[in-house]
Amino acid sequence: MSYIDGFVIAVPEANRAQFIAHARTYDAIFLEVGALRVVECWGDDVPDGKLTDFRRAVQAKPDEAVAFSWIEWPDKPTRDAGMEKIMKDPRMEAAANCPFDGKRMIFGGFVPVVSLPG
């Protein structure tokens, strides 16, 4: 079964076009190293919760949107090898100049347990 890397970040609304351009540039590298697909989503209906929510999780400011992204890999070994290549790829150095505050990003790797249709 596949392996998923998931990400949630706060992006200034004014940086939406920059965020999309940044994603198109760097997401392509993930595909080169073995990812099956990369999906970038811009928050459209992200409600405030009573205890927690996406906005609080990334400390989003009033002028920021929440972006939710994931990378689908064929399996964890392919992901691990791909991430090792990404960390060594000199093109990724420029990714540090991203249109969001990377310190507030939350991320993790996930094993799918249900996938429909399967």
PDB file of N, CA and C in Angstrom:
ATOM      1  N   MET A   1       0.849  -1.188   0.000  1.00  0.00           N
ATOM      2  CA  MET A   1       0.000   0.000   0.000  1.00  0.00           C
ATOM      3  C   MET A   1       0.891   1.247   0.000  1.00  0.00           C
ATOM      4  N   SER A   2       0.375   2.348  -0.479  1.00  0.00           N
ATOM      5  CA  SER A   2       1.132   3.582  -0.603  1.00  0.00           C
ATOM      6  C   SER A   2       1.504   4.174   0.751  1.00  0.00           C
ATOM      7  N   TYR A   3       2.299   5.222   0.714  1.00  0.00           N
ATOM      8  CA  TYR A   3       2.717   5.954   1.897  1.00  0.00           C
ATOM      9  C   TYR A   3       2.451   7.428   1.627  1.00  0.00           C
ATOM     10  N   ILE A   4       1.993   8.158   2.636  1.00  0.00           N
ATOM     11  CA  ILE A   4       1.590   9.549   2.461  1.00  0.00           C
ATOM     12  C   ILE A   4       2.381  10.461   3.384  1.00  0.00           C
ATOM     13  N   ASP A   5       2.926  11.532   2.847  1.00  0.00           N
ATOM     14  CA  ASP A   5       3.464  12.629   3.649  1.00  0.00           C
ATOM     15  C   ASP A   5       2.426  13.732   3.609  1.00  0.00           C
ATOM     16  N   GLY A   6       2.003  14.218   4.777  1.00  0.00           N
ATOM     17  CA  GLY A   6       0.991  15.268   4.850  1.00  0.00           C
ATOM     18  C   GLY A   6       1.555  16.533   5.465  1.00  0.00           C
ATOM     19  N   PHE A   7       1.037  17.689   5.014  1.00  0.00           N
ATOM     20  CA  PHE A   7       1.530  18.990   5.448  1.00  0.00           C
ATOM     21  C   PHE A   7       0.369  19.962   5.626  1.00  0.00           C
ATOM     22  N   VAL A   8       0.448  20.795   6.644  1.00  0.00           N
ATOM     23  CA  VAL A   8      -0.492  21.891   6.833  1.00  0.00           C
ATOM     24  C   VAL A   8       0.346  23.129   7.132  1.00  0.00           C
ATOM     25  N   ILE A   9       0.074  24.220   6.403  1.00  0.00           N
ATOM     26  CA  ILE A   9       0.834  25.456   6.597  1.00  0.00           C
ATOM     27  C   ILE A   9      -0.093  26.660   6.508  1.00  0.00           C
ATOM     28  N   ALA A  10       0.361  27.750   7.105  1.00  0.00           N
ATOM     29  CA  ALA A  10      -0.326  29.032   6.967  1.00  0.00           C
ATOM     30  C   ALA A  10       0.417  29.834   5.901  1.00  0.00           C
ATOM     31  N   VAL A  11      -0.346  30.385   4.949  1.00  0.00           N
ATOM     32  CA  VAL A  11       0.249  31.158   3.856  1.00  0.00           C
ATOM     33  C   VAL A  11      -0.451  32.513   3.781  1.00  0.00           C
ATOM     34  N   PRO A  12       0.307  33.609   3.777  1.00  0.00           N
ATOM     35  CA  PRO A  12      -0.352  34.902   3.612  1.00  0.00           C
ATOM     36  C   PRO A  12      -1.213  34.903   2.344  1.00  0.00           C
ATOM     37  N   GLU A  13      -2.433  35.383   2.472  1.00  0.00           N
ATOM     38  CA  GLU A  13      -3.344  35.446   1.318  1.00  0.00           C
ATOM     39  C   GLU A  13      -2.683  36.161   0.144  1.00  0.00           C
ATOM     40  N   ALA A  14      -1.893  37.191   0.435  1.00  0.00           N
ATOM     41  CA  ALA A  14      -1.225  37.962  -0.618  1.00  0.00           C
ATOM     42  C   ALA A  14      -0.178  37.132  -1.365  1.00  0.00           C
ATOM     43  N   ASN A  15       0.231  35.993  -0.807  1.00  0.00           N
ATOM     44  CA  ASN A  15       1.266  35.153  -1.421  1.00  0.00           C
ATOM     45  C   ASN A  15       0.704  33.942  -2.162  1.00  0.00           C
ATOM     46  N   ARG A  16      -0.599  33.942  -2.434  1.00  0.00           N
ATOM     47  CA  ARG A  16      -1.209  32.772  -3.078  1.00  0.00           C
ATOM     48  C   ARG A  16      -0.525  32.421  -4.411  1.00  0.00           C
ATOM     49  N   ALA A  17      -0.333  33.387  -5.278  1.00  0.00           N
ATOM     50  CA  ALA A  17       0.300  33.118  -6.580  1.00  0.00           C
ATOM     51  C   ALA A  17       1.737  32.630  -6.388  1.00  0.00           C
ATOM     52  N   GLN A  18       2.461  33.221  -5.443  1.00  0.00           N
ATOM     53  CA  GLN A  18       3.828  32.786  -5.155  1.00  0.00           C
ATOM     54  C   GLN A  18       3.832  31.357  -4.622  1.00  0.00           C
ATOM     55  N   PHE A  19       2.861  31.030  -3.767  1.00  0.00           N
ATOM     56  CA  PHE A  19       2.748  29.681  -3.215  1.00  0.00           C
ATOM     57  C   PHE A  19       2.541  28.664  -4.348  1.00  0.00           C
ATOM     58  N   ILE A  20       1.659  28.980  -5.272  1.00  0.00           N
ATOM     59  CA  ILE A  20       1.380  28.069  -6.389  1.00  0.00           C
ATOM     60  C   ILE A  20       2.620  27.907  -7.264  1.00  0.00           C
ATOM     61  N   ALA A  21       3.311  29.006  -7.554  1.00  0.00           N
ATOM     62  CA  ALA A  21       4.532  28.926  -8.364  1.00  0.00           C
ATOM     63  C   ALA A  21       5.608  28.111  -7.641  1.00  0.00           C
ATOM     64  N   HIS A  22       5.754  28.341  -6.349  1.00  0.00           N
ATOM     65  CA  HIS A  22       6.719  27.602  -5.540  1.00  0.00           C
ATOM     66  C   HIS A  22       6.396  26.104  -5.588  1.00  0.00           C
ATOM     67  N   ALA A  23       5.127  25.769  -5.405  1.00  0.00           N
ATOM     68  CA  ALA A  23       4.711  24.364  -5.426  1.00  0.00           C
ATOM     69  C   ALA A  23       4.975  23.728  -6.790  1.00  0.00           C
ATOM     70  N   ARG A  24       4.649  24.427  -7.846  1.00  0.00           N
ATOM     71  CA  ARG A  24       4.875  23.854  -9.191  1.00  0.00           C
ATOM     72  C   ARG A  24       6.350  23.587  -9.438  1.00  0.00           C
ATOM     73  N   THR A  25       7.203  24.455  -8.946  1.00  0.00           N
ATOM     74  CA  THR A  25       8.647  24.277  -9.131  1.00  0.00           C
ATOM     75  C   THR A  25       9.177  23.101  -8.331  1.00  0.00           C
ATOM     76  N   TYR A  26       8.887  23.073  -7.039  1.00  0.00           N
ATOM     77  CA  TYR A  26       9.518  22.082  -6.160  1.00  0.00           C
ATOM     78  C   TYR A  26       8.765  20.760  -6.096  1.00  0.00           C
ATOM     79  N   ASP A  27       7.467  20.761  -6.312  1.00  0.00           N
ATOM     80  CA  ASP A  27       6.726  19.500  -6.317  1.00  0.00           C
ATOM     81  C   ASP A  27       7.182  18.594  -7.452  1.00  0.00           C
ATOM     82  N   ALA A  28       7.591  19.191  -8.555  1.00  0.00           N
ATOM     83  CA  ALA A  28       8.077  18.400  -9.691  1.00  0.00           C
ATOM     84  C   ALA A  28       9.295  17.565  -9.303  1.00  0.00           C
ATOM     85  N   ILE A  29      10.110  18.079  -8.391  1.00  0.00           N
ATOM     86  CA  ILE A  29      11.295  17.337  -7.958  1.00  0.00           C
ATOM     87  C   ILE A  29      10.885  16.085  -7.182  1.00  0.00           C
ATOM     88  N   PHE A  30       9.815  16.186  -6.388  1.00  0.00           N
ATOM     89  CA  PHE A  30       9.331  15.005  -5.674  1.00  0.00           C
ATOM     90  C   PHE A  30       8.895  13.917  -6.662  1.00  0.00           C
ATOM     91  N   LEU A  31       8.278  14.326  -7.757  1.00  0.00           N
ATOM     92  CA  LEU A  31       7.887  13.345  -8.775  1.00  0.00           C
ATOM     93  C   LEU A  31       9.118  12.701  -9.406  1.00  0.00           C
ATOM     94  N   GLU A  32      10.172  13.479  -9.618  1.00  0.00           N
ATOM     95  CA  GLU A  32      11.410  12.948 -10.193  1.00  0.00           C
ATOM     96  C   GLU A  32      12.034  11.864  -9.326  1.00  0.00           C
ATOM     97  N   VAL A  33      11.881  11.988  -7.995  1.00  0.00           N
ATOM     98  CA  VAL A  33      12.528  11.034  -7.084  1.00  0.00           C
ATOM     99  C   VAL A  33      11.610   9.904  -6.634  1.00  0.00           C
ATOM    100  N   GLY A  34      10.433   9.772  -7.277  1.00  0.00           N
ATOM    101  CA  GLY A  34       9.605   8.596  -7.030  1.00  0.00           C
ATOM    102  C   GLY A  34       8.209   8.808  -6.507  1.00  0.00           C
ATOM    103  N   ALA A  35       7.833  10.051  -6.163  1.00  0.00           N
ATOM    104  CA  ALA A  35       6.462  10.279  -5.707  1.00  0.00           C
ATOM    105  C   ALA A  35       5.487   9.992  -6.843  1.00  0.00           C
ATOM    106  N   LEU A  36       4.322   9.470  -6.496  1.00  0.00           N
ATOM    107  CA  LEU A  36       3.287   9.197  -7.494  1.00  0.00           C
ATOM    108  C   LEU A  36       2.496  10.451  -7.842  1.00  0.00           C
ATOM    109  N   ARG A  37       2.241  11.281  -6.819  1.00  0.00           N
ATOM    110  CA  ARG A  37       1.554  12.548  -7.045  1.00  0.00           C
ATOM    111  C   ARG A  37       1.744  13.457  -5.849  1.00  0.00           C
ATOM    112  N   VAL A  38       1.593  14.747  -6.121  1.00  0.00           N
ATOM    113  CA  VAL A  38       1.653  15.763  -5.079  1.00  0.00           C
ATOM    114  C   VAL A  38       0.403  16.618  -5.238  1.00  0.00           C
ATOM    115  N   VAL A  39      -0.290  16.863  -4.139  1.00  0.00           N
ATOM    116  CA  VAL A  39      -1.522  17.646  -4.175  1.00  0.00           C
ATOM    117  C   VAL A  39      -1.358  18.830  -3.227  1.00  0.00           C
ATOM    118  N   GLU A  40      -1.627  20.024  -3.735  1.00  0.00           N
ATOM    119  CA  GLU A  40      -1.583  21.250  -2.941  1.00  0.00           C
ATOM    120  C   GLU A  40      -3.003  21.819  -2.911  1.00  0.00           C
ATOM    121  N   CYS A  41      -3.525  22.074  -1.723  1.00  0.00           N
ATOM    122  CA  CYS A  41      -4.894  22.572  -1.575  1.00  0.00           C
ATOM    123  C   CYS A  41      -4.882  23.893  -0.804  1.00  0.00           C
ATOM    124  N   TRP A  42      -5.675  24.847  -1.283  1.00  0.00           N
ATOM    125  CA  TRP A  42      -5.815  26.159  -0.637  1.00  0.00           C
ATOM    126  C   TRP A  42      -7.099  26.146   0.171  1.00  0.00           C
ATOM    127  N   GLY A  43      -7.035  26.509   1.440  1.00  0.00           N
ATOM    128  CA  GLY A  43      -8.198  26.480   2.317  1.00  0.00           C
ATOM    129  C   GLY A  43      -9.366  27.288   1.784  1.00  0.00           C
ATOM    130  N   ASP A  44     -10.521  26.670   1.742  1.00  0.00           N
ATOM    131  CA  ASP A  44     -11.737  27.299   1.236  1.00  0.00           C
ATOM    132  C   ASP A  44     -12.830  27.308   2.308  1.00  0.00           C
ATOM    133  N   ASP A  45     -12.869  26.276   3.121  1.00  0.00           N
ATOM    134  CA  ASP A  45     -13.875  26.140   4.168  1.00  0.00           C
ATOM    135  C   ASP A  45     -13.166  25.557   5.391  1.00  0.00           C
ATOM    136  N   VAL A  46     -12.463  26.409   6.130  1.00  0.00           N
ATOM    137  CA  VAL A  46     -11.634  25.982   7.252  1.00  0.00           C
ATOM    138  C   VAL A  46     -12.191  26.637   8.519  1.00  0.00           C
ATOM    139  N   PRO A  47     -13.177  25.994   9.141  1.00  0.00           N
ATOM    140  CA  PRO A  47     -13.861  26.608  10.287  1.00  0.00           C
ATOM    141  C   PRO A  47     -13.016  26.611  11.555  1.00  0.00           C
ATOM    142  N   ASP A  48     -13.322  27.558  12.418  1.00  0.00           N
ATOM    143  CA  ASP A  48     -12.735  27.581  13.753  1.00  0.00           C
ATOM    144  C   ASP A  48     -13.397  26.484  14.573  1.00  0.00           C
ATOM    145  N   GLY A  49     -12.605  25.744  15.329  1.00  0.00           N
ATOM    146  CA  GLY A  49     -13.139  24.700  16.185  1.00  0.00           C
ATOM    147  C   GLY A  49     -13.290  25.190  17.616  1.00  0.00           C
ATOM    148  N   LYS A  50     -13.887  24.361  18.444  1.00  0.00           N
ATOM    149  CA  LYS A  50     -14.052  24.728  19.856  1.00  0.00           C
ATOM    150  C   LYS A  50     -12.790  24.434  20.662  1.00  0.00           C
ATOM    151  N   LEU A  51     -12.094  23.342  20.341  1.00  0.00           N
ATOM    152  CA  LEU A  51     -10.872  22.985  21.065  1.00  0.00           C
ATOM    153  C   LEU A  51      -9.620  23.192  20.236  1.00  0.00           C
ATOM    154  N   THR A  52      -9.683  22.803  18.966  1.00  0.00           N
ATOM    155  CA  THR A  52      -8.541  22.952  18.072  1.00  0.00           C
ATOM    156  C   THR A  52      -9.052  23.001  16.645  1.00  0.00           C
ATOM    157  N   ASP A  53      -8.210  23.409  15.739  1.00  0.00           N
ATOM    158  CA  ASP A  53      -8.570  23.469  14.327  1.00  0.00           C
ATOM    159  C   ASP A  53      -7.302  23.672  13.510  1.00  0.00           C
ATOM    160  N   PHE A  54      -7.438  23.634  12.194  1.00  0.00           N
ATOM    161  CA  PHE A  54      -6.284  23.808  11.320  1.00  0.00           C
ATOM    162  C   PHE A  54      -5.618  25.168  11.528  1.00  0.00           C
ATOM    163  N   ARG A  55      -6.402  26.223  11.659  1.00  0.00           N
ATOM    164  CA  ARG A  55      -5.844  27.568  11.794  1.00  0.00           C
ATOM    165  C   ARG A  55      -4.985  27.678  13.059  1.00  0.00           C
ATOM    166  N   ARG A  56      -5.501  27.173  14.161  1.00  0.00           N
ATOM    167  CA  ARG A  56      -4.728  27.226  15.401  1.00  0.00           C
ATOM    168  C   ARG A  56      -3.501  26.322  15.334  1.00  0.00           C
ATOM    169  N   ALA A  57      -3.622  25.207  14.661  1.00  0.00           N
ATOM    170  CA  ALA A  57      -2.509  24.264  14.581  1.00  0.00           C
ATOM    171  C   ALA A  57      -1.269  24.902  13.956  1.00  0.00           C
ATOM    172  N   VAL A  58      -1.476  25.810  13.004  1.00  0.00           N
ATOM    173  CA  VAL A  58      -0.353  26.463  12.332  1.00  0.00           C
ATOM    174  C   VAL A  58      -0.233  27.936  12.704  1.00  0.00           C
ATOM    175  N   GLN A  59      -0.972  28.344  13.733  1.00  0.00           N
ATOM    176  CA  GLN A  59      -0.955  29.723  14.219  1.00  0.00           C
ATOM    177  C   GLN A  59      -1.219  30.721  13.086  1.00  0.00           C
ATOM    178  N   ALA A  60      -2.238  30.407  12.279  1.00  0.00           N
ATOM    179  CA  ALA A  60      -2.580  31.278  11.148  1.00  0.00           C
ATOM    180  C   ALA A  60      -3.069  32.630  11.647  1.00  0.00           C
ATOM    181  N   LYS A  61      -2.578  33.665  11.003  1.00  0.00           N
ATOM    182  CA  LYS A  61      -2.989  35.037  11.311  1.00  0.00           C
ATOM    183  C   LYS A  61      -4.236  35.373  10.489  1.00  0.00           C
ATOM    184  N   PRO A  62      -4.938  36.442  10.840  1.00  0.00           N
ATOM    185  CA  PRO A  62      -6.173  36.784  10.108  1.00  0.00           C
ATOM    186  C   PRO A  62      -5.989  36.950   8.595  1.00  0.00           C
ATOM    187  N   ASP A  63      -4.808  37.367   8.162  1.00  0.00           N
ATOM    188  CA  ASP A  63      -4.565  37.581   6.734  1.00  0.00           C
ATOM    189  C   ASP A  63      -3.930  36.373   6.056  1.00  0.00           C
ATOM    190  N   GLU A  64      -3.996  35.203   6.708  1.00  0.00           N
ATOM    191  CA  GLU A  64      -3.392  33.999   6.155  1.00  0.00           C
ATOM    192  C   GLU A  64      -4.441  32.930   5.866  1.00  0.00           C
ATOM    193  N   ALA A  65      -4.185  32.173   4.817  1.00  0.00           N
ATOM    194  CA  ALA A  65      -5.006  31.006   4.480  1.00  0.00           C
ATOM    195  C   ALA A  65      -4.275  29.765   4.974  1.00  0.00           C
ATOM    196  N   VAL A  66      -5.010  28.684   5.123  1.00  0.00           N
ATOM    197  CA  VAL A  66      -4.404  27.400   5.482  1.00  0.00           C
ATOM    198  C   VAL A  66      -4.298  26.575   4.207  1.00  0.00           C
ATOM    199  N   ALA A  67      -3.096  26.057   3.957  1.00  0.00           N
ATOM    200  CA  ALA A  67      -2.876  25.165   2.831  1.00  0.00           C
ATOM    201  C   ALA A  67      -2.659  23.756   3.376  1.00  0.00           C
ATOM    202  N   PHE A  68      -3.258  22.793   2.713  1.00  0.00           N
ATOM    203  CA  PHE A  68      -3.166  21.379   3.092  1.00  0.00           C
ATOM    204  C   PHE A  68      -2.611  20.644   1.885  1.00  0.00           C
ATOM    205  N   SER A  69      -1.546  19.898   2.097  1.00  0.00           N
ATOM    206  CA  SER A  69      -0.859  19.246   0.976  1.00  0.00           C
ATOM    207  C   SER A  69      -0.496  17.819   1.340  1.00  0.00           C
ATOM    208  N   TRP A  70      -0.349  17.005   0.312  1.00  0.00           N
ATOM    209  CA  TRP A  70       0.161  15.673   0.565  1.00  0.00           C
ATOM    210  C   TRP A  70       0.933  15.169  -0.643  1.00  0.00           C
ATOM    211  N   ILE A  71       1.865  14.264  -0.317  1.00  0.00           N
ATOM    212  CA  ILE A  71       2.672  13.587  -1.333  1.00  0.00           C
ATOM    213  C   ILE A  71       2.346  12.110  -1.205  1.00  0.00           C
ATOM    214  N   GLU A  72       1.983  11.501  -2.301  1.00  0.00           N
ATOM    215  CA  GLU A  72       1.702  10.063  -2.305  1.00  0.00           C
ATOM    216  C   GLU A  72       2.891   9.335  -2.915  1.00  0.00           C
ATOM    217  N   TRP A  73       3.376   8.361  -2.180  1.00  0.00           N
ATOM    218  CA  TRP A  73       4.509   7.528  -2.606  1.00  0.00           C
ATOM    219  C   TRP A  73       4.016   6.096  -2.805  1.00  0.00           C
ATOM    220  N   PRO A  74       4.707   5.298  -3.618  1.00  0.00           N
ATOM    221  CA  PRO A  74       4.279   3.905  -3.782  1.00  0.00           C
ATOM    222  C   PRO A  74       4.384   3.101  -2.483  1.00  0.00           C
ATOM    223  N   ASP A  75       5.392   3.437  -1.646  1.00  0.00           N
ATOM    224  CA  ASP A  75       5.615   2.728  -0.385  1.00  0.00           C
ATOM    225  C   ASP A  75       6.621   3.533   0.442  1.00  0.00           C
ATOM    226  N   LYS A  76       6.816   3.138   1.688  1.00  0.00           N
ATOM    227  CA  LYS A  76       7.721   3.880   2.564  1.00  0.00           C
ATOM    228  C   LYS A  76       9.188   3.790   2.129  1.00  0.00           C
ATOM    229  N   PRO A  77       9.678   2.634   1.677  1.00  0.00           N
ATOM    230  CA  PRO A  77      11.073   2.607   1.215  1.00  0.00           C
ATOM    231  C   PRO A  77      11.331   3.588   0.054  1.00  0.00           C
ATOM    232  N   THR A  78      10.378   3.708  -0.869  1.00  0.00           N
ATOM    233  CA  THR A  78      10.533   4.661  -1.970  1.00  0.00           C
ATOM    234  C   THR A  78      10.524   6.076  -1.416  1.00  0.00           C
ATOM    235  N   ARG A  79       9.652   6.337  -0.442  1.00  0.00           N
ATOM    236  CA  ARG A  79       9.605   7.659   0.196  1.00  0.00           C
ATOM    237  C   ARG A  79      10.921   7.968   0.893  1.00  0.00           C
ATOM    238  N   ASP A  80      11.434   7.031   1.660  1.00  0.00           N
ATOM    239  CA  ASP A  80      12.678   7.272   2.386  1.00  0.00           C
ATOM    240  C   ASP A  80      13.834   7.555   1.427  1.00  0.00           C
ATOM    241  N   ALA A  81      13.929   6.781   0.363  1.00  0.00           N
ATOM    242  CA  ALA A  81      14.978   6.995  -0.635  1.00  0.00           C
ATOM    243  C   ALA A  81      14.770   8.331  -1.361  1.00  0.00           C
ATOM    244  N   GLY A  82      13.523   8.638  -1.683  1.00  0.00           N
ATOM    245  CA  GLY A  82      13.222   9.905  -2.355  1.00  0.00           C
ATOM    246  C   GLY A  82      13.542  11.103  -1.483  1.00  0.00           C
ATOM    247  N   MET A  83      13.195  11.035  -0.195  1.00  0.00           N
ATOM    248  CA  MET A  83      13.479  12.151   0.705  1.00  0.00           C
ATOM    249  C   MET A  83      14.984  12.332   0.885  1.00  0.00           C
ATOM    250  N   GLU A  84      15.733  11.234   0.892  1.00  0.00           N
ATOM    251  CA  GLU A  84      17.191  11.341   0.981  1.00  0.00           C
ATOM    252  C   GLU A  84      17.742  12.075  -0.242  1.00  0.00           C
ATOM    253  N   LYS A  85      17.216  11.747  -1.421  1.00  0.00           N
ATOM    254  CA  LYS A  85      17.639  12.438  -2.645  1.00  0.00           C
ATOM    255  C   LYS A  85      17.246  13.915  -2.607  1.00  0.00           C
ATOM    256  N   ILE A  86      16.043  14.206  -2.119  1.00  0.00           N
ATOM    257  CA  ILE A  86      15.561  15.594  -2.030  1.00  0.00           C
ATOM    258  C   ILE A  86      16.504  16.418  -1.156  1.00  0.00           C
ATOM    259  N   MET A  87      16.906  15.856  -0.020  1.00  0.00           N
ATOM    260  CA  MET A  87      17.765  16.590   0.912  1.00  0.00           C
ATOM    261  C   MET A  87      19.144  16.886   0.316  1.00  0.00           C
ATOM    262  N   LYS A  88      19.575  16.091  -0.652  1.00  0.00           N
ATOM    263  CA  LYS A  88      20.879  16.288  -1.293  1.00  0.00           C
ATOM    264  C   LYS A  88      20.792  17.072  -2.602  1.00  0.00           C
ATOM    265  N   ASP A  89      19.580  17.303  -3.091  1.00  0.00           N
ATOM    266  CA  ASP A  89      19.399  17.964  -4.388  1.00  0.00           C
ATOM    267  C   ASP A  89      19.706  19.462  -4.257  1.00  0.00           C
ATOM    268  N   PRO A  90      20.686  19.974  -4.992  1.00  0.00           N
ATOM    269  CA  PRO A  90      21.049  21.387  -4.882  1.00  0.00           C
ATOM    270  C   PRO A  90      19.920  22.344  -5.280  1.00  0.00           C
ATOM    271  N   ARG A  91      18.976  21.883  -6.076  1.00  0.00           N
ATOM    272  CA  ARG A  91      17.847  22.748  -6.450  1.00  0.00           C
ATOM    273  C   ARG A  91      16.975  23.088  -5.248  1.00  0.00           C
ATOM    274  N   MET A  92      17.000  22.252  -4.228  1.00  0.00           N
ATOM    275  CA  MET A  92      16.150  22.477  -3.064  1.00  0.00           C
ATOM    276  C   MET A  92      16.659  23.604  -2.163  1.00  0.00           C
ATOM    277  N   GLU A  93      17.915  24.016  -2.335  1.00  0.00           N
ATOM    278  CA  GLU A  93      18.445  25.113  -1.528  1.00  0.00           C
ATOM    279  C   GLU A  93      17.608  26.378  -1.706  1.00  0.00           C
ATOM    280  N   ALA A  94      17.170  26.646  -2.911  1.00  0.00           N
ATOM    281  CA  ALA A  94      16.366  27.842  -3.181  1.00  0.00           C
ATOM    282  C   ALA A  94      14.971  27.728  -2.581  1.00  0.00           C
ATOM    283  N   ALA A  95      14.539  26.526  -2.235  1.00  0.00           N
ATOM    284  CA  ALA A  95      13.204  26.337  -1.654  1.00  0.00           C
ATOM    285  C   ALA A  95      13.095  26.995  -0.284  1.00  0.00           C
ATOM    286  N   ALA A  96      14.228  27.299   0.336  1.00  0.00           N
ATOM    287  CA  ALA A  96      14.205  27.967   1.641  1.00  0.00           C
ATOM    288  C   ALA A  96      13.561  29.352   1.546  1.00  0.00           C
ATOM    289  N   ASN A  97      13.570  29.940   0.369  1.00  0.00           N
ATOM    290  CA  ASN A  97      12.927  31.241   0.148  1.00  0.00           C
ATOM    291  C   ASN A  97      11.468  31.017  -0.210  1.00  0.00           C
ATOM    292  N   CYS A  98      10.724  30.411   0.715  1.00  0.00           N
ATOM    293  CA  CYS A  98       9.341  30.061   0.433  1.00  0.00           C
ATOM    294  C   CYS A  98       8.394  31.190   0.846  1.00  0.00           C
ATOM    295  N   PRO A  99       7.208  31.226   0.256  1.00  0.00           N
ATOM    296  CA  PRO A  99       6.240  32.299   0.524  1.00  0.00           C
ATOM    297  C   PRO A  99       5.389  32.071   1.769  1.00  0.00           C
ATOM    298  N   PHE A 100       5.923  31.357   2.749  1.00  0.00           N
ATOM    299  CA  PHE A 100       5.220  31.078   4.005  1.00  0.00           C
ATOM    300  C   PHE A 100       6.266  30.849   5.090  1.00  0.00           C
ATOM    301  N   ASP A 101       5.827  30.831   6.340  1.00  0.00           N
ATOM    302  CA  ASP A 101       6.708  30.604   7.476  1.00  0.00           C
ATOM    303  C   ASP A 101       6.813  29.110   7.741  1.00  0.00           C
ATOM    304  N   GLY A 102       7.889  28.512   7.281  1.00  0.00           N
ATOM    305  CA  GLY A 102       8.078  27.074   7.418  1.00  0.00           C
ATOM    306  C   GLY A 102       8.162  26.590   8.858  1.00  0.00           C
ATOM    307  N   LYS A 103       8.467  27.481   9.796  1.00  0.00           N
ATOM    308  CA  LYS A 103       8.543  27.086  11.201  1.00  0.00           C
ATOM    309  C   LYS A 103       7.178  26.719  11.763  1.00  0.00           C
ATOM    310  N   ARG A 104       6.107  27.195  11.107  1.00  0.00           N
ATOM    311  CA  ARG A 104       4.755  26.880  11.588  1.00  0.00           C
ATOM    312  C   ARG A 104       4.118  25.726  10.821  1.00  0.00           C
ATOM    313  N   MET A 105       4.871  25.094   9.946  1.00  0.00           N
ATOM    314  CA  MET A 105       4.359  23.941   9.198  1.00  0.00           C
ATOM    315  C   MET A 105       4.240  22.745  10.137  1.00  0.00           C
ATOM    316  N   ILE A 106       3.149  21.995   9.988  1.00  0.00           N
ATOM    317  CA  ILE A 106       3.075  20.702  10.661  1.00  0.00           C
ATOM    318  C   ILE A 106       3.084  19.637   9.559  1.00  0.00           C
ATOM    319  N   PHE A 107       3.753  18.529   9.835  1.00  0.00           N
ATOM    320  CA  PHE A 107       3.896  17.502   8.807  1.00  0.00           C
ATOM    321  C   PHE A 107       4.097  16.152   9.458  1.00  0.00           C
ATOM    322  N   GLY A 108       3.909  15.127   8.677  1.00  0.00           N
ATOM    323  CA  GLY A 108       4.136  13.775   9.163  1.00  0.00           C
ATOM    324  C   GLY A 108       3.949  12.769   8.060  1.00  0.00           C
ATOM    325  N   GLY A 109       4.438  11.562   8.304  1.00  0.00           N
ATOM    326  CA  GLY A 109       4.275  10.458   7.377  1.00  0.00           C
ATOM    327  C   GLY A 109       3.188   9.517   7.879  1.00  0.00           C
ATOM    328  N   PHE A 110       2.405   9.002   6.944  1.00  0.00           N
ATOM    329  CA  PHE A 110       1.221   8.221   7.310  1.00  0.00           C
ATOM    330  C   PHE A 110       1.095   6.955   6.464  1.00  0.00           C
ATOM    331  N   VAL A 111       0.689   5.885   7.121  1.00  0.00           N
ATOM    332  CA  VAL A 111       0.369   4.630   6.451  1.00  0.00           C
ATOM    333  C   VAL A 111      -1.140   4.581   6.260  1.00  0.00           C
ATOM    334  N   PRO A 112      -1.619   4.514   5.017  1.00  0.00           N
ATOM    335  CA  PRO A 112      -3.063   4.417   4.805  1.00  0.00           C
ATOM    336  C   PRO A 112      -3.606   3.122   5.422  1.00  0.00           C
ATOM    337  N   VAL A 113      -4.756   3.237   6.078  1.00  0.00           N
ATOM    338  CA  VAL A 113      -5.398   2.055   6.651  1.00  0.00           C
ATOM    339  C   VAL A 113      -6.734   1.758   5.982  1.00  0.00           C
ATOM    340  N   VAL A 114      -7.301   2.763   5.313  1.00  0.00           N
ATOM    341  CA  VAL A 114      -8.514   2.588   4.510  1.00  0.00           C
ATOM    342  C   VAL A 114      -8.326   3.446   3.269  1.00  0.00           C
ATOM    343  N   SER A 115      -8.627   2.902   2.111  1.00  0.00           N
ATOM    344  CA  SER A 115      -8.540   3.640   0.861  1.00  0.00           C
ATOM    345  C   SER A 115      -9.686   3.170  -0.034  1.00  0.00           C
ATOM    346  N   LEU A 116     -10.624   4.069  -0.315  1.00  0.00           N
ATOM    347  CA  LEU A 116     -11.785   3.711  -1.122  1.00  0.00           C
ATOM    348  C   LEU A 116     -11.830   4.554  -2.388  1.00  0.00           C
ATOM    349  N   PRO A 117     -12.153   4.075  -3.539  1.00  0.00           N
ATOM    350  CA  PRO A 117     -12.218   2.643  -3.789  1.00  0.00           C
ATOM    351  C   PRO A 117     -10.810   2.060  -3.733  1.00  0.00           C
ATOM    352  N   GLY A 118     -10.686   0.851  -3.324  1.00  0.00           N
ATOM    353  CA  GLY A 118      -9.372   0.270  -3.075  1.00  0.00           C
ATOM    354  C   GLY A 118      -8.914  -0.584  -4.172  1.00  0.00           C
TER     355      GLY A 118
END
